[in-house]
PDB file of all heavy atoms in Angstrom:
ATOM      1  N   ALA A   1     -49.604   8.768  38.728  1.00  0.00           N
ATOM      2  CA  ALA A   1     -48.405   8.584  37.901  1.00  0.00           C
ATOM      3  C   ALA A   1     -47.898   9.913  37.354  1.00  0.00           C
ATOM      4  O   ALA A   1     -46.686  10.157  37.308  1.00  0.00           O
ATOM      5  CB  ALA A   1     -48.703   7.608  36.768  1.00  0.00           C
ATOM      6  N   ARG A   2     -48.819  10.780  36.922  1.00  0.00           N
ATOM      7  CA  ARG A   2     -48.397  12.090  36.399  1.00  0.00           C
ATOM      8  C   ARG A   2     -47.809  12.958  37.519  1.00  0.00           C
ATOM      9  O   ARG A   2     -46.835  13.690  37.304  1.00  0.00           O
ATOM     10  CB  ARG A   2     -49.567  12.783  35.707  1.00  0.00           C
ATOM     11  CG  ARG A   2     -49.873  12.202  34.322  1.00  0.00           C
ATOM     12  CD  ARG A   2     -50.922  13.013  33.597  1.00  0.00           C
ATOM     13  NE  ARG A   2     -52.253  12.752  34.134  1.00  0.00           N
ATOM     14  CZ  ARG A   2     -53.094  11.834  33.647  1.00  0.00           C
ATOM     15  NH1 ARG A   2     -52.722  11.077  32.615  1.00  0.00           N
ATOM     16  NH2 ARG A   2     -54.282  11.660  34.176  1.00  0.00           N
ATOM     17  N   PHE A   3     -48.402  12.868  38.723  1.00  0.00           N
ATOM     18  CA  PHE A   3     -47.827  13.588  39.860  1.00  0.00           C
ATOM     19  C   PHE A   3     -46.420  13.069  40.163  1.00  0.00           C
ATOM     20  O   PHE A   3     -45.480  13.851  40.363  1.00  0.00           O
ATOM     21  CB  PHE A   3     -48.718  13.431  41.095  1.00  0.00           C
ATOM     22  CG  PHE A   3     -48.111  13.980  42.357  1.00  0.00           C
ATOM     23  CD1 PHE A   3     -48.273  15.314  42.697  1.00  0.00           C
ATOM     24  CD2 PHE A   3     -47.353  13.166  43.201  1.00  0.00           C
ATOM     25  CE1 PHE A   3     -47.697  15.827  43.857  1.00  0.00           C
ATOM     26  CE2 PHE A   3     -46.783  13.667  44.350  1.00  0.00           C
ATOM     27  CZ  PHE A   3     -46.950  15.005  44.683  1.00  0.00           C
ATOM     28  N   GLY A   4     -46.268  11.755  40.210  1.00  0.00           N
ATOM     29  CA  GLY A   4     -44.968  11.174  40.493  1.00  0.00           C
ATOM     30  C   GLY A   4     -43.923  11.582  39.472  1.00  0.00           C
ATOM     31  O   GLY A   4     -42.771  11.887  39.820  1.00  0.00           O
ATOM     32  N   ASP A   5     -44.317  11.632  38.217  1.00  0.00           N
ATOM     33  CA  ASP A   5     -43.405  12.033  37.156  1.00  0.00           C
ATOM     34  C   ASP A   5     -42.969  13.488  37.344  1.00  0.00           C
ATOM     35  O   ASP A   5     -41.778  13.814  37.250  1.00  0.00           O
ATOM     36  CB  ASP A   5     -44.104  11.857  35.806  1.00  0.00           C
ATOM     37  CG  ASP A   5     -43.157  11.930  34.642  1.00  0.00           C
ATOM     38  OD1 ASP A   5     -42.307  11.029  34.500  1.00  0.00           O
ATOM     39  OD2 ASP A   5     -43.267  12.891  33.847  1.00  0.00           O
ATOM     40  N   ALA A   6     -43.924  14.363  37.649  1.00  0.00           N
ATOM     41  CA  ALA A   6     -43.621  15.779  37.817  1.00  0.00           C
ATOM     42  C   ALA A   6     -42.767  16.015  39.061  1.00  0.00           C
ATOM     43  O   ALA A   6     -41.831  16.830  39.045  1.00  0.00           O
ATOM     44  CB  ALA A   6     -44.913  16.580  37.906  1.00  0.00           C
ATOM     45  N   LEU A   7     -43.061  15.301  40.153  1.00  0.00           N
ATOM     46  CA  LEU A   7     -42.280  15.461  41.374  1.00  0.00           C
ATOM     47  C   LEU A   7     -40.829  15.013  41.151  1.00  0.00           C
ATOM     48  O   LEU A   7     -39.886  15.688  41.573  1.00  0.00           O
ATOM     49  CB  LEU A   7     -42.909  14.663  42.511  1.00  0.00           C
ATOM     50  CG  LEU A   7     -42.125  14.612  43.831  1.00  0.00           C
ATOM     51  CD1 LEU A   7     -41.844  16.001  44.366  1.00  0.00           C
ATOM     52  CD2 LEU A   7     -42.883  13.772  44.864  1.00  0.00           C
ATOM     53  N   THR A   8     -40.644  13.895  40.476  1.00  0.00           N
ATOM     54  CA  THR A   8     -39.287  13.406  40.226  1.00  0.00           C
ATOM     55  C   THR A   8     -38.497  14.401  39.386  1.00  0.00           C
ATOM     56  O   THR A   8     -37.284  14.562  39.573  1.00  0.00           O
ATOM     57  CB  THR A   8     -39.341  12.038  39.526  1.00  0.00           C
ATOM     58  OG1 THR A   8     -40.159  11.140  40.298  1.00  0.00           O
ATOM     59  CG2 THR A   8     -37.951  11.431  39.375  1.00  0.00           C
ATOM     60  N   ALA A   9     -39.176  15.076  38.466  1.00  0.00           N
ATOM     61  CA  ALA A   9     -38.504  16.038  37.590  1.00  0.00           C
ATOM     62  C   ALA A   9     -38.191  17.362  38.276  1.00  0.00           C
ATOM     63  O   ALA A   9     -37.464  18.192  37.709  1.00  0.00           O
ATOM     64  CB  ALA A   9     -39.365  16.294  36.351  1.00  0.00           C
ATOM     65  N   MET A  10     -38.710  17.591  39.479  1.00  0.00           N
ATOM     66  CA  MET A  10     -38.458  18.850  40.192  1.00  0.00           C
ATOM     67  C   MET A  10     -37.103  18.780  40.875  1.00  0.00           C
ATOM     68  O   MET A  10     -36.971  18.364  42.030  1.00  0.00           O
ATOM     69  CB  MET A  10     -39.581  19.113  41.211  1.00  0.00           C
ATOM     70  CG  MET A  10     -40.932  19.376  40.570  1.00  0.00           C
ATOM     71  SD  MET A  10     -42.291  19.549  41.777  1.00  0.00           S
ATOM     72  CE  MET A  10     -41.858  21.110  42.542  1.00  0.00           C
ATOM     73  N   ASP A  11     -36.070  19.173  40.151  1.00  0.00           N
ATOM     74  CA  ASP A  11     -34.708  19.025  40.660  1.00  0.00           C
ATOM     75  C   ASP A  11     -34.453  19.846  41.923  1.00  0.00           C
ATOM     76  O   ASP A  11     -33.558  19.507  42.717  1.00  0.00           O
ATOM     77  CB  ASP A  11     -33.706  19.430  39.580  1.00  0.00           C
ATOM     78  CG  ASP A  11     -33.690  18.470  38.413  1.00  0.00           C
ATOM     79  OD1 ASP A  11     -34.069  17.300  38.617  1.00  0.00           O
ATOM     80  OD2 ASP A  11     -33.319  18.869  37.304  1.00  0.00           O
ATOM     81  N   GLY A  12     -35.199  20.910  42.121  1.00  0.00           N
ATOM     82  CA  GLY A  12     -34.981  21.748  43.295  1.00  0.00           C
ATOM     83  C   GLY A  12     -35.545  21.184  44.570  1.00  0.00           C
ATOM     84  O   GLY A  12     -35.233  21.682  45.653  1.00  0.00           O
ATOM     85  N   VAL A  13     -36.387  20.138  44.484  1.00  0.00           N
ATOM     86  CA  VAL A  13     -36.990  19.525  45.665  1.00  0.00           C
ATOM     87  C   VAL A  13     -36.158  18.317  46.068  1.00  0.00           C
ATOM     88  O   VAL A  13     -35.961  17.386  45.283  1.00  0.00           O
ATOM     89  CB  VAL A  13     -38.448  19.104  45.386  1.00  0.00           C
ATOM     90  CG1 VAL A  13     -39.021  18.315  46.561  1.00  0.00           C
ATOM     91  CG2 VAL A  13     -39.310  20.325  45.107  1.00  0.00           C
ATOM     92  N   VAL A  14     -35.659  18.324  47.301  1.00  0.00           N
ATOM     93  CA  VAL A  14     -34.816  17.232  47.790  1.00  0.00           C
ATOM     94  C   VAL A  14     -35.726  16.078  48.216  1.00  0.00           C
ATOM     95  O   VAL A  14     -36.559  16.228  49.115  1.00  0.00           O
ATOM     96  CB  VAL A  14     -33.933  17.705  48.952  1.00  0.00           C
ATOM     97  CG1 VAL A  14     -33.120  16.548  49.519  1.00  0.00           C
ATOM     98  CG2 VAL A  14     -33.010  18.821  48.481  1.00  0.00           C
ATOM     99  N   LYS A  15     -35.554  14.943  47.575  1.00  0.00           N
ATOM    100  CA  LYS A  15     -36.439  13.802  47.788  1.00  0.00           C
ATOM    101  C   LYS A  15     -35.645  12.503  47.701  1.00  0.00           C
ATOM    102  O   LYS A  15     -34.563  12.455  47.124  1.00  0.00           O
ATOM    103  CB  LYS A  15     -37.555  13.789  46.738  1.00  0.00           C
ATOM    104  CG  LYS A  15     -37.041  13.858  45.314  1.00  0.00           C
ATOM    105  CD  LYS A  15     -38.136  14.247  44.340  1.00  0.00           C
ATOM    106  CE  LYS A  15     -37.579  14.586  42.967  1.00  0.00           C
ATOM    107  NZ  LYS A  15     -36.738  15.826  42.990  1.00  0.00           N
ATOM    108  N   LYS A  16     -36.210  11.448  48.252  1.00  0.00           N
ATOM    109  CA  LYS A  16     -35.524  10.153  48.241  1.00  0.00           C
ATOM    110  C   LYS A  16     -36.417   9.021  47.754  1.00  0.00           C
ATOM    111  O   LYS A  16     -35.924   7.924  47.492  1.00  0.00           O
ATOM    112  CB  LYS A  16     -34.984   9.827  49.639  1.00  0.00           C
ATOM    113  CG  LYS A  16     -33.896   8.756  49.629  1.00  0.00           C
ATOM    114  CD  LYS A  16     -33.060   8.772  50.888  1.00  0.00           C
ATOM    115  CE  LYS A  16     -31.868   7.815  50.729  1.00  0.00           C
ATOM    116  NZ  LYS A  16     -30.957   7.884  51.882  1.00  0.00           N
ATOM    117  N   LEU A  17     -37.705   9.268  47.619  1.00  0.00           N
ATOM    118  CA  LEU A  17     -38.625   8.202  47.221  1.00  0.00           C
ATOM    119  C   LEU A  17     -39.828   8.802  46.529  1.00  0.00           C
ATOM    120  O   LEU A  17     -40.411   9.769  47.023  1.00  0.00           O
ATOM    121  CB  LEU A  17     -39.081   7.422  48.463  1.00  0.00           C
ATOM    122  CG  LEU A  17     -40.162   6.360  48.257  1.00  0.00           C
ATOM    123  CD1 LEU A  17     -39.600   5.166  47.476  1.00  0.00           C
ATOM    124  CD2 LEU A  17     -40.704   5.881  49.606  1.00  0.00           C
ATOM    125  N   VAL A  18     -40.197   8.208  45.383  1.00  0.00           N
ATOM    126  CA  VAL A  18     -41.459   8.532  44.701  1.00  0.00           C
ATOM    127  C   VAL A  18     -42.023   7.211  44.193  1.00  0.00           C
ATOM    128  O   VAL A  18     -41.573   6.669  43.188  1.00  0.00           O
ATOM    129  CB  VAL A  18     -41.273   9.523  43.542  1.00  0.00           C
ATOM    130  CG1 VAL A  18     -42.632   9.849  42.921  1.00  0.00           C
ATOM    131  CG2 VAL A  18     -40.581  10.802  44.003  1.00  0.00           C
ATOM    132  N   CYS A  19     -42.998   6.685  44.906  1.00  0.00           N
ATOM    133  CA  CYS A  19     -43.593   5.381  44.619  1.00  0.00           C
ATOM    134  C   CYS A  19     -45.074   5.563  44.329  1.00  0.00           C
ATOM    135  O   CYS A  19     -45.767   6.301  45.042  1.00  0.00           O
ATOM    136  CB  CYS A  19     -43.404   4.454  45.817  1.00  0.00           C
ATOM    137  SG  CYS A  19     -44.363   2.927  45.767  1.00  0.00           S
ATOM    138  N   VAL A  20     -45.579   4.895  43.289  1.00  0.00           N
ATOM    139  CA  VAL A  20     -46.990   4.968  42.895  1.00  0.00           C
ATOM    140  C   VAL A  20     -47.601   3.579  42.989  1.00  0.00           C
ATOM    141  O   VAL A  20     -47.044   2.605  42.462  1.00  0.00           O
ATOM    142  CB  VAL A  20     -47.138   5.511  41.462  1.00  0.00           C
ATOM    143  CG1 VAL A  20     -48.594   5.440  41.009  1.00  0.00           C
ATOM    144  CG2 VAL A  20     -46.621   6.936  41.380  1.00  0.00           C
ATOM    145  N   LEU A  21     -48.751   3.497  43.649  1.00  0.00           N
ATOM    146  CA  LEU A  21     -49.445   2.226  43.835  1.00  0.00           C
ATOM    147  C   LEU A  21     -50.893   2.359  43.390  1.00  0.00           C
ATOM    148  O   LEU A  21     -51.635   3.200  43.897  1.00  0.00           O
ATOM    149  CB  LEU A  21     -49.411   1.814  45.305  1.00  0.00           C
ATOM    150  CG  LEU A  21     -48.021   1.644  45.922  1.00  0.00           C
ATOM    151  CD1 LEU A  21     -48.117   1.593  47.430  1.00  0.00           C
ATOM    152  CD2 LEU A  21     -47.352   0.402  45.375  1.00  0.00           C
ATOM    153  N   ALA A  22     -51.287   1.517  42.449  1.00  0.00           N
ATOM    154  CA  ALA A  22     -52.680   1.510  42.008  1.00  0.00           C
ATOM    155  C   ALA A  22     -53.579   0.964  43.108  1.00  0.00           C
ATOM    156  O   ALA A  22     -53.149   0.151  43.941  1.00  0.00           O
ATOM    157  CB  ALA A  22     -52.819   0.646  40.752  1.00  0.00           C
ATOM    158  N   ALA A  23     -54.843   1.414  43.103  1.00  0.00           N
ATOM    159  CA  ALA A  23     -55.839   0.739  43.931  1.00  0.00           C
ATOM    160  C   ALA A  23     -56.044  -0.657  43.331  1.00  0.00           C
ATOM    161  O   ALA A  23     -56.011  -0.820  42.108  1.00  0.00           O
ATOM    162  CB  ALA A  23     -57.140   1.530  43.933  1.00  0.00           C
ATOM    163  N   PRO A  24     -56.199  -1.677  44.141  1.00  0.00           N
ATOM    164  CA  PRO A  24     -56.373  -1.663  45.595  1.00  0.00           C
ATOM    165  C   PRO A  24     -55.166  -2.226  46.334  1.00  0.00           C
ATOM    166  O   PRO A  24     -55.340  -2.943  47.328  1.00  0.00           O
ATOM    167  CB  PRO A  24     -57.577  -2.565  45.756  1.00  0.00           C
ATOM    168  CG  PRO A  24     -57.334  -3.651  44.715  1.00  0.00           C
ATOM    169  CD  PRO A  24     -56.629  -2.977  43.565  1.00  0.00           C
ATOM    170  N   ILE A  25     -53.942  -1.951  45.896  1.00  0.00           N
ATOM    171  CA  ILE A  25     -52.776  -2.569  46.534  1.00  0.00           C
ATOM    172  C   ILE A  25     -52.712  -2.210  48.014  1.00  0.00           C
ATOM    173  O   ILE A  25     -52.671  -3.093  48.885  1.00  0.00           O
ATOM    174  CB  ILE A  25     -51.475  -2.155  45.810  1.00  0.00           C
ATOM    175  CG1 ILE A  25     -51.437  -2.745  44.397  1.00  0.00           C
ATOM    176  CG2 ILE A  25     -50.262  -2.610  46.611  1.00  0.00           C
ATOM    177  CD1 ILE A  25     -50.244  -2.295  43.571  1.00  0.00           C
ATOM    178  N   ALA A  26     -52.694  -0.909  48.329  1.00  0.00           N
ATOM    179  CA  ALA A  26     -52.600  -0.509  49.730  1.00  0.00           C
ATOM    180  C   ALA A  26     -53.832  -0.951  50.512  1.00  0.00           C
ATOM    181  O   ALA A  26     -53.744  -1.403  51.656  1.00  0.00           O
ATOM    182  CB  ALA A  26     -52.412   0.999  49.827  1.00  0.00           C
TER     183      ALA A  26
END
């Protein structure tokens, strides 16, 4: 979750999806 939050806040990185899934969903 902290990684996802930091990645979303990185405006210079072009991205389209940031999804976080707890174990054991996947």
